[in-house]
Amino acid sequence: MKHNHNAFENQIFNHFREKVKALNDAMELLIEHNYKIIDLENQIIDKHNIKNIEKRFSFDYKRTPKRTYEKTQTIQEQSGQESKTND
């Protein structure tokens, strides 16, 4: 019996399937060792919800904003101010 070749059965898609399988295996290994994973949708994946997507919950990760720093003076600017005060 001849196999019907589908458009999605080629080397490119096989490559992506292998990568996804490797990622899933790595996630399972980490979770097996009690790590928690935060995916790209900010969902926490742990041993309680790795198989059930509905049990995953999202959270807002609020980072501390960067502080702005004042511009420091260069050596040339400092020496220019010193010469003005000396005059």
PDB file of N, CA and C in Angstrom:
ATOM      1  N   MET A   1       0.844  -1.177   0.000  1.00  0.00           N
ATOM      2  CA  MET A   1       0.000   0.000   0.000  1.00  0.00           C
ATOM      3  C   MET A   1       0.890   1.242   0.000  1.00  0.00           C
ATOM      4  N   LYS A   2       0.592   2.158  -0.877  1.00  0.00           N
ATOM      5  CA  LYS A   2       1.387   3.374  -1.022  1.00  0.00           C
ATOM      6  C   LYS A   2       0.982   4.399   0.032  1.00  0.00           C
ATOM      7  N   HIS A   3       1.994   5.063   0.602  1.00  0.00           N
ATOM      8  CA  HIS A   3       1.753   6.097   1.611  1.00  0.00           C
ATOM      9  C   HIS A   3       1.401   7.411   0.922  1.00  0.00           C
ATOM     10  N   ASN A   4       0.323   8.040   1.311  1.00  0.00           N
ATOM     11  CA  ASN A   4      -0.049   9.347   0.766  1.00  0.00           C
ATOM     12  C   ASN A   4       0.763  10.407   1.481  1.00  0.00           C
ATOM     13  N   HIS A   5       1.546  11.146   0.732  1.00  0.00           N
ATOM     14  CA  HIS A   5       2.409  12.180   1.300  1.00  0.00           C
ATOM     15  C   HIS A   5       1.596  13.459   1.501  1.00  0.00           C
ATOM     16  N   ASN A   6       1.571  13.942   2.743  1.00  0.00           N
ATOM     17  CA  ASN A   6       0.878  15.195   3.039  1.00  0.00           C
ATOM     18  C   ASN A   6       1.857  16.352   2.963  1.00  0.00           C
ATOM     19  N   ALA A   7       1.328  17.535   2.764  1.00  0.00           N
ATOM     20  CA  ALA A   7       2.182  18.720   2.622  1.00  0.00           C
ATOM     21  C   ALA A   7       2.921  19.040   3.907  1.00  0.00           C
ATOM     22  N   PHE A   8       2.377  18.688   5.056  1.00  0.00           N
ATOM     23  CA  PHE A   8       3.020  19.028   6.330  1.00  0.00           C
ATOM     24  C   PHE A   8       3.996  17.941   6.787  1.00  0.00           C
ATOM     25  N   GLU A   9       4.196  16.914   6.008  1.00  0.00           N
ATOM     26  CA  GLU A   9       5.158  15.868   6.344  1.00  0.00           C
ATOM     27  C   GLU A   9       6.418  16.069   5.509  1.00  0.00           C
ATOM     28  N   ASN A  10       7.272  16.949   5.973  1.00  0.00           N
ATOM     29  CA  ASN A  10       8.543  17.127   5.278  1.00  0.00           C
ATOM     30  C   ASN A  10       9.634  17.390   6.295  1.00  0.00           C
ATOM     31  N   GLN A  11      10.847  17.614   5.848  1.00  0.00           N
ATOM     32  CA  GLN A  11      11.990  17.744   6.751  1.00  0.00           C
ATOM     33  C   GLN A  11      11.902  18.986   7.625  1.00  0.00           C
ATOM     34  N   ILE A  12      11.370  20.079   7.103  1.00  0.00           N
ATOM     35  CA  ILE A  12      11.290  21.311   7.880  1.00  0.00           C
ATOM     36  C   ILE A  12      10.370  21.121   9.076  1.00  0.00           C
ATOM     37  N   PHE A  13       9.175  20.602   8.842  1.00  0.00           N
ATOM     38  CA  PHE A  13       8.252  20.401   9.946  1.00  0.00           C
ATOM     39  C   PHE A  13       8.751  19.317  10.893  1.00  0.00           C
ATOM     40  N   ASN A  14       9.441  18.326  10.370  1.00  0.00           N
ATOM     41  CA  ASN A  14      10.028  17.297  11.222  1.00  0.00           C
ATOM     42  C   ASN A  14      11.070  17.923  12.140  1.00  0.00           C
ATOM     43  N   HIS A  15      11.846  18.867  11.627  1.00  0.00           N
ATOM     44  CA  HIS A  15      12.842  19.563  12.436  1.00  0.00           C
ATOM     45  C   HIS A  15      12.168  20.300  13.596  1.00  0.00           C
ATOM     46  N   PHE A  16      11.075  21.011  13.326  1.00  0.00           N
ATOM     47  CA  PHE A  16      10.358  21.735  14.374  1.00  0.00           C
ATOM     48  C   PHE A  16       9.729  20.778  15.383  1.00  0.00           C
ATOM     49  N   ARG A  17       9.193  19.658  14.904  1.00  0.00           N
ATOM     50  CA  ARG A  17       8.630  18.671  15.825  1.00  0.00           C
ATOM     51  C   ARG A  17       9.701  18.121  16.752  1.00  0.00           C
ATOM     52  N   GLU A  18      10.905  17.881  16.234  1.00  0.00           N
ATOM     53  CA  GLU A  18      12.004  17.387  17.071  1.00  0.00           C
ATOM     54  C   GLU A  18      12.421  18.435  18.103  1.00  0.00           C
ATOM     55  N   LYS A  19      12.457  19.706  17.694  1.00  0.00           N
ATOM     56  CA  LYS A  19      12.809  20.781  18.631  1.00  0.00           C
ATOM     57  C   LYS A  19      11.767  20.910  19.741  1.00  0.00           C
ATOM     58  N   VAL A  20      10.490  20.843  19.383  1.00  0.00           N
ATOM     59  CA  VAL A  20       9.426  20.935  20.374  1.00  0.00           C
ATOM     60  C   VAL A  20       9.502  19.761  21.341  1.00  0.00           C
ATOM     61  N   LYS A  21       9.791  18.584  20.819  1.00  0.00           N
ATOM     62  CA  LYS A  21       9.913  17.412  21.683  1.00  0.00           C
ATOM     63  C   LYS A  21      11.084  17.587  22.646  1.00  0.00           C
ATOM     64  N   ALA A  22      12.198  18.123  22.162  1.00  0.00           N
ATOM     65  CA  ALA A  22      13.360  18.353  23.027  1.00  0.00           C
ATOM     66  C   ALA A  22      13.041  19.385  24.108  1.00  0.00           C
ATOM     67  N   LEU A  23      12.317  20.443  23.748  1.00  0.00           N
ATOM     68  CA  LEU A  23      11.918  21.451  24.732  1.00  0.00           C
ATOM     69  C   LEU A  23      10.981  20.864  25.781  1.00  0.00           C
ATOM     70  N   ASN A  24      10.020  20.077  25.344  1.00  0.00           N
ATOM     71  CA  ASN A  24       9.096  19.452  26.291  1.00  0.00           C
ATOM     72  C   ASN A  24       9.814  18.487  27.219  1.00  0.00           C
ATOM     73  N   ASP A  25      10.770  17.734  26.686  1.00  0.00           N
ATOM     74  CA  ASP A  25      11.555  16.821  27.527  1.00  0.00           C
ATOM     75  C   ASP A  25      12.370  17.594  28.557  1.00  0.00           C
ATOM     76  N   ALA A  26      12.938  18.726  28.148  1.00  0.00           N
ATOM     77  CA  ALA A  26      13.719  19.560  29.073  1.00  0.00           C
ATOM     78  C   ALA A  26      12.824  20.143  30.159  1.00  0.00           C
ATOM     79  N   MET A  27      11.629  20.581  29.782  1.00  0.00           N
ATOM     80  CA  MET A  27      10.689  21.109  30.779  1.00  0.00           C
ATOM     81  C   MET A  27      10.307  20.038  31.786  1.00  0.00           C
ATOM     82  N   GLU A  28      10.021  18.847  31.306  1.00  0.00           N
ATOM     83  CA  GLU A  28       9.651  17.760  32.209  1.00  0.00           C
ATOM     84  C   GLU A  28      10.794  17.399  33.143  1.00  0.00           C
ATOM     85  N   LEU A  29      12.019  17.440  32.643  1.00  0.00           N
ATOM     86  CA  LEU A  29      13.182  17.147  33.489  1.00  0.00           C
ATOM     87  C   LEU A  29      13.339  18.198  34.585  1.00  0.00           C
ATOM     88  N   LEU A  30      13.188  19.475  34.221  1.00  0.00           N
ATOM     89  CA  LEU A  30      13.288  20.536  35.222  1.00  0.00           C
ATOM     90  C   LEU A  30      12.185  20.422  36.267  1.00  0.00           C
ATOM     91  N   ILE A  31      10.974  20.168  35.826  1.00  0.00           N
ATOM     92  CA  ILE A  31       9.859  20.062  36.758  1.00  0.00           C
ATOM     93  C   ILE A  31      10.007  18.830  37.641  1.00  0.00           C
ATOM     94  N   GLU A  32      10.581  17.776  37.101  1.00  0.00           N
ATOM     95  CA  GLU A  32      10.835  16.577  37.892  1.00  0.00           C
ATOM     96  C   GLU A  32      11.784  16.872  39.060  1.00  0.00           C
ATOM     97  N   HIS A  33      12.653  17.854  38.875  1.00  0.00           N
ATOM     98  CA  HIS A  33      13.600  18.259  39.919  1.00  0.00           C
ATOM     99  C   HIS A  33      13.115  19.503  40.676  1.00  0.00           C
ATOM    100  N   ASN A  34      11.798  19.701  40.704  1.00  0.00           N
ATOM    101  CA  ASN A  34      11.115  20.744  41.491  1.00  0.00           C
ATOM    102  C   ASN A  34      11.427  22.172  41.056  1.00  0.00           C
ATOM    103  N   TYR A  35      11.721  22.382  39.793  1.00  0.00           N
ATOM    104  CA  TYR A  35      11.840  23.733  39.264  1.00  0.00           C
ATOM    105  C   TYR A  35      10.471  24.198  38.802  1.00  0.00           C
ATOM    106  N   LYS A  36      10.292  25.501  38.741  1.00  0.00           N
ATOM    107  CA  LYS A  36       9.091  26.095  38.161  1.00  0.00           C
ATOM    108  C   LYS A  36       9.517  26.844  36.910  1.00  0.00           C
ATOM    109  N   ILE A  37       8.674  26.831  35.915  1.00  0.00           N
ATOM    110  CA  ILE A  37       8.990  27.439  34.624  1.00  0.00           C
ATOM    111  C   ILE A  37       7.983  28.545  34.359  1.00  0.00           C
ATOM    112  N   ILE A  38       8.467  29.678  33.888  1.00  0.00           N
ATOM    113  CA  ILE A  38       7.598  30.768  33.449  1.00  0.00           C
ATOM    114  C   ILE A  38       7.698  30.819  31.932  1.00  0.00           C
ATOM    115  N   ASP A  39       6.594  30.570  31.260  1.00  0.00           N
ATOM    116  CA  ASP A  39       6.634  30.541  29.800  1.00  0.00           C
ATOM    117  C   ASP A  39       6.499  31.954  29.227  1.00  0.00           C
ATOM    118  N   LEU A  40       6.446  32.050  27.923  1.00  0.00           N
ATOM    119  CA  LEU A  40       6.412  33.355  27.262  1.00  0.00           C
ATOM    120  C   LEU A  40       5.106  34.108  27.482  1.00  0.00           C
ATOM    121  N   GLU A  41       4.077  33.426  27.959  1.00  0.00           N
ATOM    122  CA  GLU A  41       2.803  34.072  28.258  1.00  0.00           C
ATOM    123  C   GLU A  41       2.671  34.367  29.742  1.00  0.00           C
ATOM    124  N   ASN A  42       3.786  34.350  30.480  1.00  0.00           N
ATOM    125  CA  ASN A  42       3.837  34.590  31.922  1.00  0.00           C
ATOM    126  C   ASN A  42       2.976  33.615  32.709  1.00  0.00           C
ATOM    127  N   GLN A  43       2.909  32.386  32.255  1.00  0.00           N
ATOM    128  CA  GLN A  43       2.200  31.347  32.984  1.00  0.00           C
ATOM    129  C   GLN A  43       3.216  30.501  33.743  1.00  0.00           C
ATOM    130  N   ILE A  44       2.897  30.183  34.972  1.00  0.00           N
ATOM    131  CA  ILE A  44       3.780  29.359  35.780  1.00  0.00           C
ATOM    132  C   ILE A  44       3.435  27.894  35.532  1.00  0.00           C
ATOM    133  N   ILE A  45       4.453  27.123  35.191  1.00  0.00           N
ATOM    134  CA  ILE A  45       4.286  25.697  34.955  1.00  0.00           C
ATOM    135  C   ILE A  45       5.064  24.973  36.041  1.00  0.00           C
ATOM    136  N   ASP A  46       4.365  24.092  36.761  1.00  0.00           N
ATOM    137  CA  ASP A  46       5.024  23.290  37.786  1.00  0.00           C
ATOM    138  C   ASP A  46       4.464  21.874  37.743  1.00  0.00           C
ATOM    139  N   LYS A  47       4.797  21.067  38.754  1.00  0.00           N
ATOM    140  CA  LYS A  47       4.401  19.663  38.715  1.00  0.00           C
ATOM    141  C   LYS A  47       2.894  19.466  38.826  1.00  0.00           C
ATOM    142  N   HIS A  48       2.165  20.461  39.284  1.00  0.00           N
ATOM    143  CA  HIS A  48       0.724  20.328  39.434  1.00  0.00           C
ATOM    144  C   HIS A  48      -0.039  20.631  38.148  1.00  0.00           C
ATOM    145  N   ASN A  49       0.558  21.369  37.236  1.00  0.00           N
ATOM    146  CA  ASN A  49      -0.205  21.779  36.055  1.00  0.00           C
ATOM    147  C   ASN A  49       0.538  21.555  34.738  1.00  0.00           C
ATOM    148  N   ILE A  50       1.538  20.702  34.717  1.00  0.00           N
ATOM    149  CA  ILE A  50       2.284  20.509  33.469  1.00  0.00           C
ATOM    150  C   ILE A  50       1.417  19.845  32.392  1.00  0.00           C
ATOM    151  N   LYS A  51       0.518  18.974  32.789  1.00  0.00           N
ATOM    152  CA  LYS A  51      -0.323  18.277  31.806  1.00  0.00           C
ATOM    153  C   LYS A  51      -1.640  19.001  31.533  1.00  0.00           C
ATOM    154  N   ASN A  52      -2.108  19.824  32.468  1.00  0.00           N
ATOM    155  CA  ASN A  52      -3.409  20.469  32.343  1.00  0.00           C
ATOM    156  C   ASN A  52      -3.223  21.975  32.134  1.00  0.00           C
ATOM    157  N   ILE A  53      -3.484  22.433  30.943  1.00  0.00           N
ATOM    158  CA  ILE A  53      -3.267  23.841  30.596  1.00  0.00           C
ATOM    159  C   ILE A  53      -4.248  24.749  31.342  1.00  0.00           C
ATOM    160  N   GLU A  54      -5.463  24.281  31.633  1.00  0.00           N
ATOM    161  CA  GLU A  54      -6.454  25.115  32.313  1.00  0.00           C
ATOM    162  C   GLU A  54      -6.048  25.453  33.742  1.00  0.00           C
ATOM    163  N   LYS A  55      -5.209  24.648  34.364  1.00  0.00           N
ATOM    164  CA  LYS A  55      -4.794  24.903  35.739  1.00  0.00           C
ATOM    165  C   LYS A  55      -3.679  25.946  35.830  1.00  0.00           C
ATOM    166  N   ARG A  56      -3.097  26.304  34.706  1.00  0.00           N
ATOM    167  CA  ARG A  56      -2.012  27.289  34.720  1.00  0.00           C
ATOM    168  C   ARG A  56      -2.585  28.676  34.932  1.00  0.00           C
ATOM    169  N   PHE A  57      -1.847  29.492  35.650  1.00  0.00           N
ATOM    170  CA  PHE A  57      -2.315  30.854  35.877  1.00  0.00           C
ATOM    171  C   PHE A  57      -1.229  31.835  35.468  1.00  0.00           C
ATOM    172  N   SER A  58      -1.670  32.995  35.039  1.00  0.00           N
ATOM    173  CA  SER A  58      -0.759  34.046  34.610  1.00  0.00           C
ATOM    174  C   SER A  58      -0.573  35.049  35.733  1.00  0.00           C
ATOM    175  N   PHE A  59       0.479  35.805  35.654  1.00  0.00           N
ATOM    176  CA  PHE A  59       0.711  36.852  36.629  1.00  0.00           C
ATOM    177  C   PHE A  59       1.386  38.017  35.920  1.00  0.00           C
ATOM    178  N   ASP A  60       1.299  39.172  36.538  1.00  0.00           N
ATOM    179  CA  ASP A  60       1.961  40.356  36.003  1.00  0.00           C
ATOM    180  C   ASP A  60       3.309  40.486  36.676  1.00  0.00           C
ATOM    181  N   TYR A  61       4.339  40.513  35.885  1.00  0.00           N
ATOM    182  CA  TYR A  61       5.690  40.664  36.398  1.00  0.00           C
ATOM    183  C   TYR A  61       6.037  42.131  36.302  1.00  0.00           C
ATOM    184  N   LYS A  62       6.037  42.802  37.438  1.00  0.00           N
ATOM    185  CA  LYS A  62       6.292  44.239  37.448  1.00  0.00           C
ATOM    186  C   LYS A  62       7.740  44.472  37.835  1.00  0.00           C
ATOM    187  N   ARG A  63       8.472  44.968  36.904  1.00  0.00           N
ATOM    188  CA  ARG A  63       9.883  45.253  37.145  1.00  0.00           C
ATOM    189  C   ARG A  63      10.032  46.632  37.745  1.00  0.00           C
ATOM    190  N   THR A  64      11.083  46.808  38.484  1.00  0.00           N
ATOM    191  CA  THR A  64      11.402  48.123  39.015  1.00  0.00           C
ATOM    192  C   THR A  64      11.915  48.973  37.866  1.00  0.00           C
ATOM    193  N   PRO A  65      11.366  50.154  37.685  1.00  0.00           N
ATOM    194  CA  PRO A  65      11.834  50.980  36.568  1.00  0.00           C
ATOM    195  C   PRO A  65      13.282  51.409  36.774  1.00  0.00           C
ATOM    196  N   LYS A  66      13.946  51.596  35.673  1.00  0.00           N
ATOM    197  CA  LYS A  66      15.335  52.036  35.741  1.00  0.00           C
ATOM    198  C   LYS A  66      15.405  53.466  36.245  1.00  0.00           C
ATOM    199  N   ARG A  67      16.413  53.727  37.063  1.00  0.00           N
ATOM    200  CA  ARG A  67      16.601  55.093  37.544  1.00  0.00           C
ATOM    201  C   ARG A  67      17.374  55.880  36.498  1.00  0.00           C
ATOM    202  N   THR A  68      17.017  57.123  36.371  1.00  0.00           N
ATOM    203  CA  THR A  68      17.763  57.982  35.462  1.00  0.00           C
ATOM    204  C   THR A  68      18.897  58.628  36.237  1.00  0.00           C
ATOM    205  N   TYR A  69      20.024  58.697  35.636  1.00  0.00           N
ATOM    206  CA  TYR A  69      21.196  59.284  36.265  1.00  0.00           C
ATOM    207  C   TYR A  69      21.504  60.616  35.606  1.00  0.00           C
ATOM    208  N   GLU A  70      21.993  61.534  36.418  1.00  0.00           N
ATOM    209  CA  GLU A  70      22.384  62.818  35.858  1.00  0.00           C
ATOM    210  C   GLU A  70      23.690  62.646  35.107  1.00  0.00           C
ATOM    211  N   LYS A  71      23.853  63.467  34.121  1.00  0.00           N
ATOM    212  CA  LYS A  71      25.076  63.405  33.334  1.00  0.00           C
ATOM    213  C   LYS A  71      26.240  63.885  34.196  1.00  0.00           C
ATOM    214  N   THR A  72      27.268  63.093  34.203  1.00  0.00           N
ATOM    215  CA  THR A  72      28.447  63.499  34.965  1.00  0.00           C
ATOM    216  C   THR A  72      29.322  64.382  34.090  1.00  0.00           C
ATOM    217  N   GLN A  73      30.073  65.207  34.727  1.00  0.00           N
ATOM    218  CA  GLN A  73      30.941  66.116  33.987  1.00  0.00           C
ATOM    219  C   GLN A  73      32.200  65.388  33.540  1.00  0.00           C
ATOM    220  N   THR A  74      32.664  65.753  32.366  1.00  0.00           N
ATOM    221  CA  THR A  74      33.918  65.191  31.878  1.00  0.00           C
ATOM    222  C   THR A  74      35.085  65.940  32.505  1.00  0.00           C
ATOM    223  N   ILE A  75      36.249  65.414  32.361  1.00  0.00           N
ATOM    224  CA  ILE A  75      37.447  66.043  32.925  1.00  0.00           C
ATOM    225  C   ILE A  75      37.662  67.413  32.300  1.00  0.00           C
ATOM    226  N   GLN A  76      37.390  67.541  31.005  1.00  0.00           N
ATOM    227  CA  GLN A  76      37.571  68.826  30.333  1.00  0.00           C
ATOM    228  C   GLN A  76      36.602  69.866  30.887  1.00  0.00           C
ATOM    229  N   GLU A  77      35.354  69.461  31.137  1.00  0.00           N
ATOM    230  CA  GLU A  77      34.383  70.402  31.687  1.00  0.00           C
ATOM    231  C   GLU A  77      34.771  70.812  33.103  1.00  0.00           C
ATOM    232  N   GLN A  78      35.288  69.868  33.886  1.00  0.00           N
ATOM    233  CA  GLN A  78      35.710  70.189  35.240  1.00  0.00           C
ATOM    234  C   GLN A  78      36.894  71.162  35.240  1.00  0.00           C
ATOM    235  N   SER A  79      37.842  70.904  34.358  1.00  0.00           N
ATOM    236  CA  SER A  79      38.997  71.784  34.321  1.00  0.00           C
ATOM    237  C   SER A  79      38.601  73.161  33.787  1.00  0.00           C
ATOM    238  N   GLY A  80      37.605  73.254  32.909  1.00  0.00           N
ATOM    239  CA  GLY A  80      37.138  74.534  32.418  1.00  0.00           C
ATOM    240  C   GLY A  80      36.456  75.339  33.525  1.00  0.00           C
ATOM    241  N   GLN A  81      35.736  74.690  34.402  1.00  0.00           N
ATOM    242  CA  GLN A  81      35.084  75.377  35.514  1.00  0.00           C
ATOM    243  C   GLN A  81      36.115  75.828  36.533  1.00  0.00           C
ATOM    244  N   GLU A  82      37.148  75.027  36.766  1.00  0.00           N
ATOM    245  CA  GLU A  82      38.177  75.401  37.725  1.00  0.00           C
ATOM    246  C   GLU A  82      38.943  76.631  37.244  1.00  0.00           C
ATOM    247  N   SER A  83      39.206  76.707  35.942  1.00  0.00           N
ATOM    248  CA  SER A  83      39.939  77.864  35.432  1.00  0.00           C
ATOM    249  C   SER A  83      39.098  79.126  35.504  1.00  0.00           C
ATOM    250  N   LYS A  84      37.775  78.992  35.351  1.00  0.00           N
ATOM    251  CA  LYS A  84      36.896  80.158  35.468  1.00  0.00           C
ATOM    252  C   LYS A  84      36.852  80.661  36.904  1.00  0.00           C
ATOM    253  N   THR A  85      36.865  79.741  37.864  1.00  0.00           N
ATOM    254  CA  THR A  85      36.824  80.169  39.273  1.00  0.00           C
ATOM    255  C   THR A  85      38.148  80.764  39.693  1.00  0.00           C
ATOM    256  N   ASN A  86      39.250  80.340  39.083  1.00  0.00           N
ATOM    257  CA  ASN A  86      40.556  80.872  39.426  1.00  0.00           C
ATOM    258  C   ASN A  86      40.777  82.262  38.833  1.00  0.00           C
ATOM    259  N   ASP A  87      40.049  82.619  37.792  1.00  0.00           N
ATOM    260  CA  ASP A  87      40.254  83.924  37.143  1.00  0.00           C
ATOM    261  C   ASP A  87      39.681  85.028  37.944  1.00  0.00           C
TER     262      ASP A  87
END
